[in-house]
């Protein structure tokens, strides 16, 4: 039986060795991925590879980067993203802390009466600094104010609110107590420093 002519020889057989490129794929999985992708497009793996390469060259994609270098760049970028994420979290935590601090100060400031008698408040603060603890019912008498004096009692109330908001004293239903550092100095007290403390 006579052998058929087969494919016509267009002169490519003689140069096949000069046109062969051997590609070593890093993993078998990658080769299978290429093979499957080539099958989707209905071409062989070799045709699939050289079409992609030729297309990239025609598009002028001269900035070729090896896969290993790309993986290293991606890893470096991921590390940088983690660092930036951590710094962002720290910044957000500080911002939250500052916001809470500002809110606390705003709350204190909002509690301060709009009009304060500075001299009267210094006098009251001096009493607390001197005695440390004062029963609330004793304060009017120590300042020479009668319970029937509405204006005087209002001054006491406003000054107590101010000193509490400033963190200088604490008070409950029965007494007020000096809480600031003992180094605070006040003038205008009605009693000497040697007055006996009330406990």
C-alpha atoms as a PDB file:
ATOM      1  CA  UNK A   1       0.000   0.000   0.000  1.00  0.00           C
ATOM      2  CA  UNK A   2       1.370   3.278  -1.049  1.00  0.00           C
ATOM      3  CA  UNK A   3       1.770   5.862   1.749  1.00  0.00           C
ATOM      4  CA  UNK A   4      -0.207   8.998   1.274  1.00  0.00           C
ATOM      5  CA  UNK A   5       1.467  12.361   0.872  1.00  0.00           C
ATOM      6  CA  UNK A   6       0.432  13.523   4.388  1.00  0.00           C
ATOM      7  CA  UNK A   7       0.749  17.160   5.254  1.00  0.00           C
ATOM      8  CA  UNK A   8       2.369  19.280   2.626  1.00  0.00           C
ATOM      9  CA  UNK A   9       5.938  20.201   3.492  1.00  0.00           C
ATOM     10  CA  UNK A  10       6.220  23.958   3.334  1.00  0.00           C
ATOM     11  CA  UNK A  11       9.847  23.970   4.335  1.00  0.00           C
ATOM     12  CA  UNK A  12       9.192  24.148   8.093  1.00  0.00           C
ATOM     13  CA  UNK A  13      10.332  20.593   8.846  1.00  0.00           C
ATOM     14  CA  UNK A  14      13.947  21.415   8.162  1.00  0.00           C
ATOM     15  CA  UNK A  15      13.903  24.321  10.626  1.00  0.00           C
ATOM     16  CA  UNK A  16      11.850  22.725  13.388  1.00  0.00           C
ATOM     17  CA  UNK A  17      14.905  22.404  15.589  1.00  0.00           C
ATOM     18  CA  UNK A  18      15.626  26.099  15.259  1.00  0.00           C
ATOM     19  CA  UNK A  19      12.045  26.967  16.203  1.00  0.00           C
ATOM     20  CA  UNK A  20      11.700  24.785  19.267  1.00  0.00           C
ATOM     21  CA  UNK A  21      11.445  26.385  22.714  1.00  0.00           C
ATOM     22  CA  UNK A  22      11.394  24.146  25.763  1.00  0.00           C
ATOM     23  CA  UNK A  23       9.427  25.561  28.695  1.00  0.00           C
ATOM     24  CA  UNK A  24       9.818  24.064  32.140  1.00  0.00           C
ATOM     25  CA  UNK A  25       6.701  24.827  34.122  1.00  0.00           C
ATOM     26  CA  UNK A  26       7.358  25.244  37.889  1.00  0.00           C
ATOM     27  CA  UNK A  27       4.641  22.779  38.919  1.00  0.00           C
ATOM     28  CA  UNK A  28       2.477  20.072  37.378  1.00  0.00           C
ATOM     29  CA  UNK A  29      -0.600  21.912  38.584  1.00  0.00           C
ATOM     30  CA  UNK A  30       0.401  24.989  36.618  1.00  0.00           C
ATOM     31  CA  UNK A  31       0.879  22.893  33.470  1.00  0.00           C
ATOM     32  CA  UNK A  32      -2.571  21.389  33.945  1.00  0.00           C
ATOM     33  CA  UNK A  33      -4.019  24.878  34.330  1.00  0.00           C
ATOM     34  CA  UNK A  34      -2.359  25.973  31.074  1.00  0.00           C
ATOM     35  CA  UNK A  35      -3.561  22.820  29.354  1.00  0.00           C
ATOM     36  CA  UNK A  36      -7.136  23.339  30.536  1.00  0.00           C
ATOM     37  CA  UNK A  37      -7.092  26.993  29.506  1.00  0.00           C
ATOM     38  CA  UNK A  38      -5.732  26.070  26.059  1.00  0.00           C
ATOM     39  CA  UNK A  39      -8.497  23.485  25.686  1.00  0.00           C
ATOM     40  CA  UNK A  40     -11.104  26.144  26.432  1.00  0.00           C
ATOM     41  CA  UNK A  41      -9.755  28.167  23.514  1.00  0.00           C
ATOM     42  CA  UNK A  42      -9.484  25.050  21.299  1.00  0.00           C
ATOM     43  CA  UNK A  43      -5.709  25.199  20.781  1.00  0.00           C
ATOM     44  CA  UNK A  44      -2.692  23.212  21.870  1.00  0.00           C
ATOM     45  CA  UNK A  45      -0.627  24.215  24.893  1.00  0.00           C
ATOM     46  CA  UNK A  46       2.262  25.352  22.709  1.00  0.00           C
ATOM     47  CA  UNK A  47      -0.069  27.442  20.536  1.00  0.00           C
ATOM     48  CA  UNK A  48      -1.691  28.904  23.662  1.00  0.00           C
ATOM     49  CA  UNK A  49       1.694  29.898  25.122  1.00  0.00           C
ATOM     50  CA  UNK A  50       3.163  31.479  22.013  1.00  0.00           C
ATOM     51  CA  UNK A  51      -0.059  33.346  21.226  1.00  0.00           C
ATOM     52  CA  UNK A  52       0.013  34.937  24.651  1.00  0.00           C
ATOM     53  CA  UNK A  53       3.698  35.825  24.341  1.00  0.00           C
ATOM     54  CA  UNK A  54       3.268  37.225  20.826  1.00  0.00           C
ATOM     55  CA  UNK A  55       0.246  39.238  21.967  1.00  0.00           C
ATOM     56  CA  UNK A  56       2.218  40.713  24.856  1.00  0.00           C
ATOM     57  CA  UNK A  57       5.062  41.688  22.519  1.00  0.00           C
ATOM     58  CA  UNK A  58       2.688  43.352  20.061  1.00  0.00           C
ATOM     59  CA  UNK A  59       1.165  45.353  22.900  1.00  0.00           C
ATOM     60  CA  UNK A  60       4.599  46.620  23.805  1.00  0.00           C
ATOM     61  CA  UNK A  61       4.694  44.980  27.237  1.00  0.00           C
ATOM     62  CA  UNK A  62       8.454  45.167  27.559  1.00  0.00           C
ATOM     63  CA  UNK A  63       8.362  45.391  31.350  1.00  0.00           C
ATOM     64  CA  UNK A  64       8.603  41.645  31.859  1.00  0.00           C
ATOM     65  CA  UNK A  65       9.005  40.567  35.469  1.00  0.00           C
ATOM     66  CA  UNK A  66       9.836  36.959  36.424  1.00  0.00           C
ATOM     67  CA  UNK A  67       7.212  35.142  38.463  1.00  0.00           C
ATOM     68  CA  UNK A  68       9.573  34.779  41.435  1.00  0.00           C
ATOM     69  CA  UNK A  69      10.117  38.534  41.463  1.00  0.00           C
ATOM     70  CA  UNK A  70       6.379  39.165  41.258  1.00  0.00           C
ATOM     71  CA  UNK A  71       5.775  36.818  44.185  1.00  0.00           C
ATOM     72  CA  UNK A  72       8.453  38.619  46.190  1.00  0.00           C
ATOM     73  CA  UNK A  73       6.889  41.983  45.374  1.00  0.00           C
ATOM     74  CA  UNK A  74       3.471  40.696  46.424  1.00  0.00           C
ATOM     75  CA  UNK A  75       4.896  39.359  49.695  1.00  0.00           C
ATOM     76  CA  UNK A  76       6.635  42.677  50.402  1.00  0.00           C
ATOM     77  CA  UNK A  77       3.419  44.555  49.650  1.00  0.00           C
ATOM     78  CA  UNK A  78       1.444  42.299  51.975  1.00  0.00           C
ATOM     79  CA  UNK A  79       3.946  42.944  54.773  1.00  0.00           C
ATOM     80  CA  UNK A  80       3.689  46.678  54.136  1.00  0.00           C
ATOM     81  CA  UNK A  81      -0.116  46.481  54.191  1.00  0.00           C
ATOM     82  CA  UNK A  82       0.026  44.649  57.533  1.00  0.00           C
ATOM     83  CA  UNK A  83       2.309  47.347  58.967  1.00  0.00           C
ATOM     84  CA  UNK A  84       0.067  50.132  57.687  1.00  0.00           C
ATOM     85  CA  UNK A  85      -3.011  48.336  59.030  1.00  0.00           C
ATOM     86  CA  UNK A  86      -1.379  48.060  62.449  1.00  0.00           C
ATOM     87  CA  UNK A  87      -0.407  51.740  62.407  1.00  0.00           C
ATOM     88  CA  UNK A  88      -3.945  52.658  61.364  1.00  0.00           C
ATOM     89  CA  UNK A  89      -5.375  50.603  64.236  1.00  0.00           C
ATOM     90  CA  UNK A  90      -3.036  52.360  66.688  1.00  0.00           C
ATOM     91  CA  UNK A  91      -3.964  55.763  65.296  1.00  0.00           C
ATOM     92  CA  UNK A  92      -7.675  54.945  65.540  1.00  0.00           C
ATOM     93  CA  UNK A  93      -7.208  53.779  69.140  1.00  0.00           C
ATOM     94  CA  UNK A  94      -5.429  57.043  70.036  1.00  0.00           C
ATOM     95  CA  UNK A  95      -8.105  59.043  68.236  1.00  0.00           C
ATOM     96  CA  UNK A  96     -10.822  57.213  70.162  1.00  0.00           C
ATOM     97  CA  UNK A  97      -8.987  57.834  73.436  1.00  0.00           C
ATOM     98  CA  UNK A  98      -8.581  61.540  72.599  1.00  0.00           C
ATOM     99  CA  UNK A  99     -12.251  61.778  71.625  1.00  0.00           C
ATOM    100  CA  UNK A 100     -13.302  60.199  74.916  1.00  0.00           C
ATOM    101  CA  UNK A 101     -11.022  62.568  76.851  1.00  0.00           C
ATOM    102  CA  UNK A 102     -12.423  65.577  74.994  1.00  0.00           C
ATOM    103  CA  UNK A 103     -15.961  64.356  75.647  1.00  0.00           C
ATOM    104  CA  UNK A 104     -15.220  64.092  79.371  1.00  0.00           C
ATOM    105  CA  UNK A 105     -13.832  67.636  79.465  1.00  0.00           C
ATOM    106  CA  UNK A 106     -16.804  68.928  77.508  1.00  0.00           C
ATOM    107  CA  UNK A 107     -19.108  67.259  79.997  1.00  0.00           C
ATOM    108  CA  UNK A 108     -17.250  68.917  82.851  1.00  0.00           C
ATOM    109  CA  UNK A 109     -17.276  72.303  81.154  1.00  0.00           C
ATOM    110  CA  UNK A 110     -20.999  72.040  80.376  1.00  0.00           C
ATOM    111  CA  UNK A 111     -21.646  71.463  84.070  1.00  0.00           C
ATOM    112  CA  UNK A 112     -19.880  74.677  85.064  1.00  0.00           C
ATOM    113  CA  UNK A 113     -22.268  77.584  85.707  1.00  0.00           C
ATOM    114  CA  UNK A 114     -21.927  80.442  83.229  1.00  0.00           C
ATOM    115  CA  UNK A 115     -21.321  83.019  85.962  1.00  0.00           C
ATOM    116  CA  UNK A 116     -18.891  82.317  88.770  1.00  0.00           C
ATOM    117  CA  UNK A 117     -17.908  84.660  91.594  1.00  0.00           C
ATOM    118  CA  UNK A 118     -14.151  84.116  91.434  1.00  0.00           C
ATOM    119  CA  UNK A 119     -13.349  85.622  94.841  1.00  0.00           C
ATOM    120  CA  UNK A 120     -16.125  83.657  96.525  1.00  0.00           C
ATOM    121  CA  UNK A 121     -15.029  80.417  94.832  1.00  0.00           C
ATOM    122  CA  UNK A 122     -11.416  80.943  95.936  1.00  0.00           C
ATOM    123  CA  UNK A 123     -12.652  81.465  99.470  1.00  0.00           C
ATOM    124  CA  UNK A 124     -14.657  78.227  99.381  1.00  0.00           C
ATOM    125  CA  UNK A 125     -11.718  76.333  97.843  1.00  0.00           C
ATOM    126  CA  UNK A 126      -9.482  77.703 100.571  1.00  0.00           C
ATOM    127  CA  UNK A 127     -11.825  76.292 103.212  1.00  0.00           C
ATOM    128  CA  UNK A 128     -11.660  72.831 101.644  1.00  0.00           C
ATOM    129  CA  UNK A 129      -7.890  73.032 101.232  1.00  0.00           C
ATOM    130  CA  UNK A 130      -7.593  74.030 104.884  1.00  0.00           C
ATOM    131  CA  UNK A 131     -10.061  71.566 106.389  1.00  0.00           C
ATOM    132  CA  UNK A 132     -10.040  68.843 103.702  1.00  0.00           C
ATOM    133  CA  UNK A 133     -13.498  67.529 104.678  1.00  0.00           C
ATOM    134  CA  UNK A 134     -16.486  69.802 105.381  1.00  0.00           C
ATOM    135  CA  UNK A 135     -20.091  68.780 106.130  1.00  0.00           C
ATOM    136  CA  UNK A 136     -22.294  70.480 103.543  1.00  0.00           C
ATOM    137  CA  UNK A 137     -24.569  71.958 106.223  1.00  0.00           C
ATOM    138  CA  UNK A 138     -21.554  73.717 107.792  1.00  0.00           C
ATOM    139  CA  UNK A 139     -20.472  75.511 104.604  1.00  0.00           C
ATOM    140  CA  UNK A 140     -22.960  78.444 104.731  1.00  0.00           C
ATOM    141  CA  UNK A 141     -22.040  79.247 108.330  1.00  0.00           C
ATOM    142  CA  UNK A 142     -18.296  79.075 107.578  1.00  0.00           C
ATOM    143  CA  UNK A 143     -18.826  81.592 104.790  1.00  0.00           C
ATOM    144  CA  UNK A 144     -21.094  83.830 106.849  1.00  0.00           C
ATOM    145  CA  UNK A 145     -24.197  83.037 104.813  1.00  0.00           C
ATOM    146  CA  UNK A 146     -27.629  82.260 106.208  1.00  0.00           C
ATOM    147  CA  UNK A 147     -29.774  79.463 104.776  1.00  0.00           C
ATOM    148  CA  UNK A 148     -32.463  82.069 104.080  1.00  0.00           C
ATOM    149  CA  UNK A 149     -30.072  84.030 101.828  1.00  0.00           C
ATOM    150  CA  UNK A 150     -31.084  82.774  98.373  1.00  0.00           C
ATOM    151  CA  UNK A 151     -28.324  84.618  96.522  1.00  0.00           C
ATOM    152  CA  UNK A 152     -25.659  83.430  98.954  1.00  0.00           C
ATOM    153  CA  UNK A 153     -26.847  79.826  98.773  1.00  0.00           C
ATOM    154  CA  UNK A 154     -26.849  80.054  94.951  1.00  0.00           C
ATOM    155  CA  UNK A 155     -23.224  81.229  95.068  1.00  0.00           C
ATOM    156  CA  UNK A 156     -22.310  78.239  97.210  1.00  0.00           C
ATOM    157  CA  UNK A 157     -24.078  75.879  94.814  1.00  0.00           C
ATOM    158  CA  UNK A 158     -22.404  77.369  91.729  1.00  0.00           C
ATOM    159  CA  UNK A 159     -18.968  77.332  93.339  1.00  0.00           C
ATOM    160  CA  UNK A 160     -19.392  73.737  94.491  1.00  0.00           C
ATOM    161  CA  UNK A 161     -20.388  72.703  90.955  1.00  0.00           C
ATOM    162  CA  UNK A 162     -17.358  74.528  89.549  1.00  0.00           C
ATOM    163  CA  UNK A 163     -14.872  72.993  92.008  1.00  0.00           C
ATOM    164  CA  UNK A 164     -16.345  69.532  91.425  1.00  0.00           C
ATOM    165  CA  UNK A 165     -16.212  69.916  87.639  1.00  0.00           C
ATOM    166  CA  UNK A 166     -12.574  71.000  87.902  1.00  0.00           C
ATOM    167  CA  UNK A 167     -11.791  67.864  89.875  1.00  0.00           C
ATOM    168  CA  UNK A 168     -10.760  69.771  93.013  1.00  0.00           C
ATOM    169  CA  UNK A 169     -13.401  68.371  95.351  1.00  0.00           C
ATOM    170  CA  UNK A 170     -15.741  65.396  95.670  1.00  0.00           C
ATOM    171  CA  UNK A 171     -19.112  65.656  97.334  1.00  0.00           C
ATOM    172  CA  UNK A 172     -21.967  63.431  98.380  1.00  0.00           C
ATOM    173  CA  UNK A 173     -25.224  64.184 100.172  1.00  0.00           C
ATOM    174  CA  UNK A 174     -23.492  64.743 103.492  1.00  0.00           C
ATOM    175  CA  UNK A 175     -20.075  66.308 102.912  1.00  0.00           C
ATOM    176  CA  UNK A 176     -17.512  67.647 100.500  1.00  0.00           C
ATOM    177  CA  UNK A 177     -13.878  66.503 100.390  1.00  0.00           C
ATOM    178  CA  UNK A 178     -10.779  68.117  98.887  1.00  0.00           C
ATOM    179  CA  UNK A 179      -9.289  65.683  96.319  1.00  0.00           C
ATOM    180  CA  UNK A 180      -6.646  67.709  94.459  1.00  0.00           C
ATOM    181  CA  UNK A 181      -2.943  67.750  95.255  1.00  0.00           C
ATOM    182  CA  UNK A 182      -2.155  69.509  98.479  1.00  0.00           C
ATOM    183  CA  UNK A 183       0.200  71.798  96.581  1.00  0.00           C
ATOM    184  CA  UNK A 184      -2.710  73.933  95.310  1.00  0.00           C
ATOM    185  CA  UNK A 185      -2.539  77.411  96.862  1.00  0.00           C
ATOM    186  CA  UNK A 186      -5.526  79.661  97.412  1.00  0.00           C
ATOM    187  CA  UNK A 187      -5.776  83.119  98.934  1.00  0.00           C
ATOM    188  CA  UNK A 188      -8.672  84.828 100.591  1.00  0.00           C
ATOM    189  CA  UNK A 189      -9.529  82.161 103.190  1.00  0.00           C
ATOM    190  CA  UNK A 190     -11.423  83.347 106.208  1.00  0.00           C
ATOM    191  CA  UNK A 191      -9.496  81.154 108.642  1.00  0.00           C
ATOM    192  CA  UNK A 192      -5.830  80.582 109.386  1.00  0.00           C
ATOM    193  CA  UNK A 193      -3.886  77.571 108.151  1.00  0.00           C
ATOM    194  CA  UNK A 194      -3.603  76.345 111.710  1.00  0.00           C
ATOM    195  CA  UNK A 195      -7.369  75.661 112.030  1.00  0.00           C
ATOM    196  CA  UNK A 196      -8.180  72.181 113.271  1.00  0.00           C
ATOM    197  CA  UNK A 197      -9.297  69.805 110.508  1.00  0.00           C
ATOM    198  CA  UNK A 198     -12.748  68.231 110.652  1.00  0.00           C
ATOM    199  CA  UNK A 199     -12.716  64.426 110.322  1.00  0.00           C
END
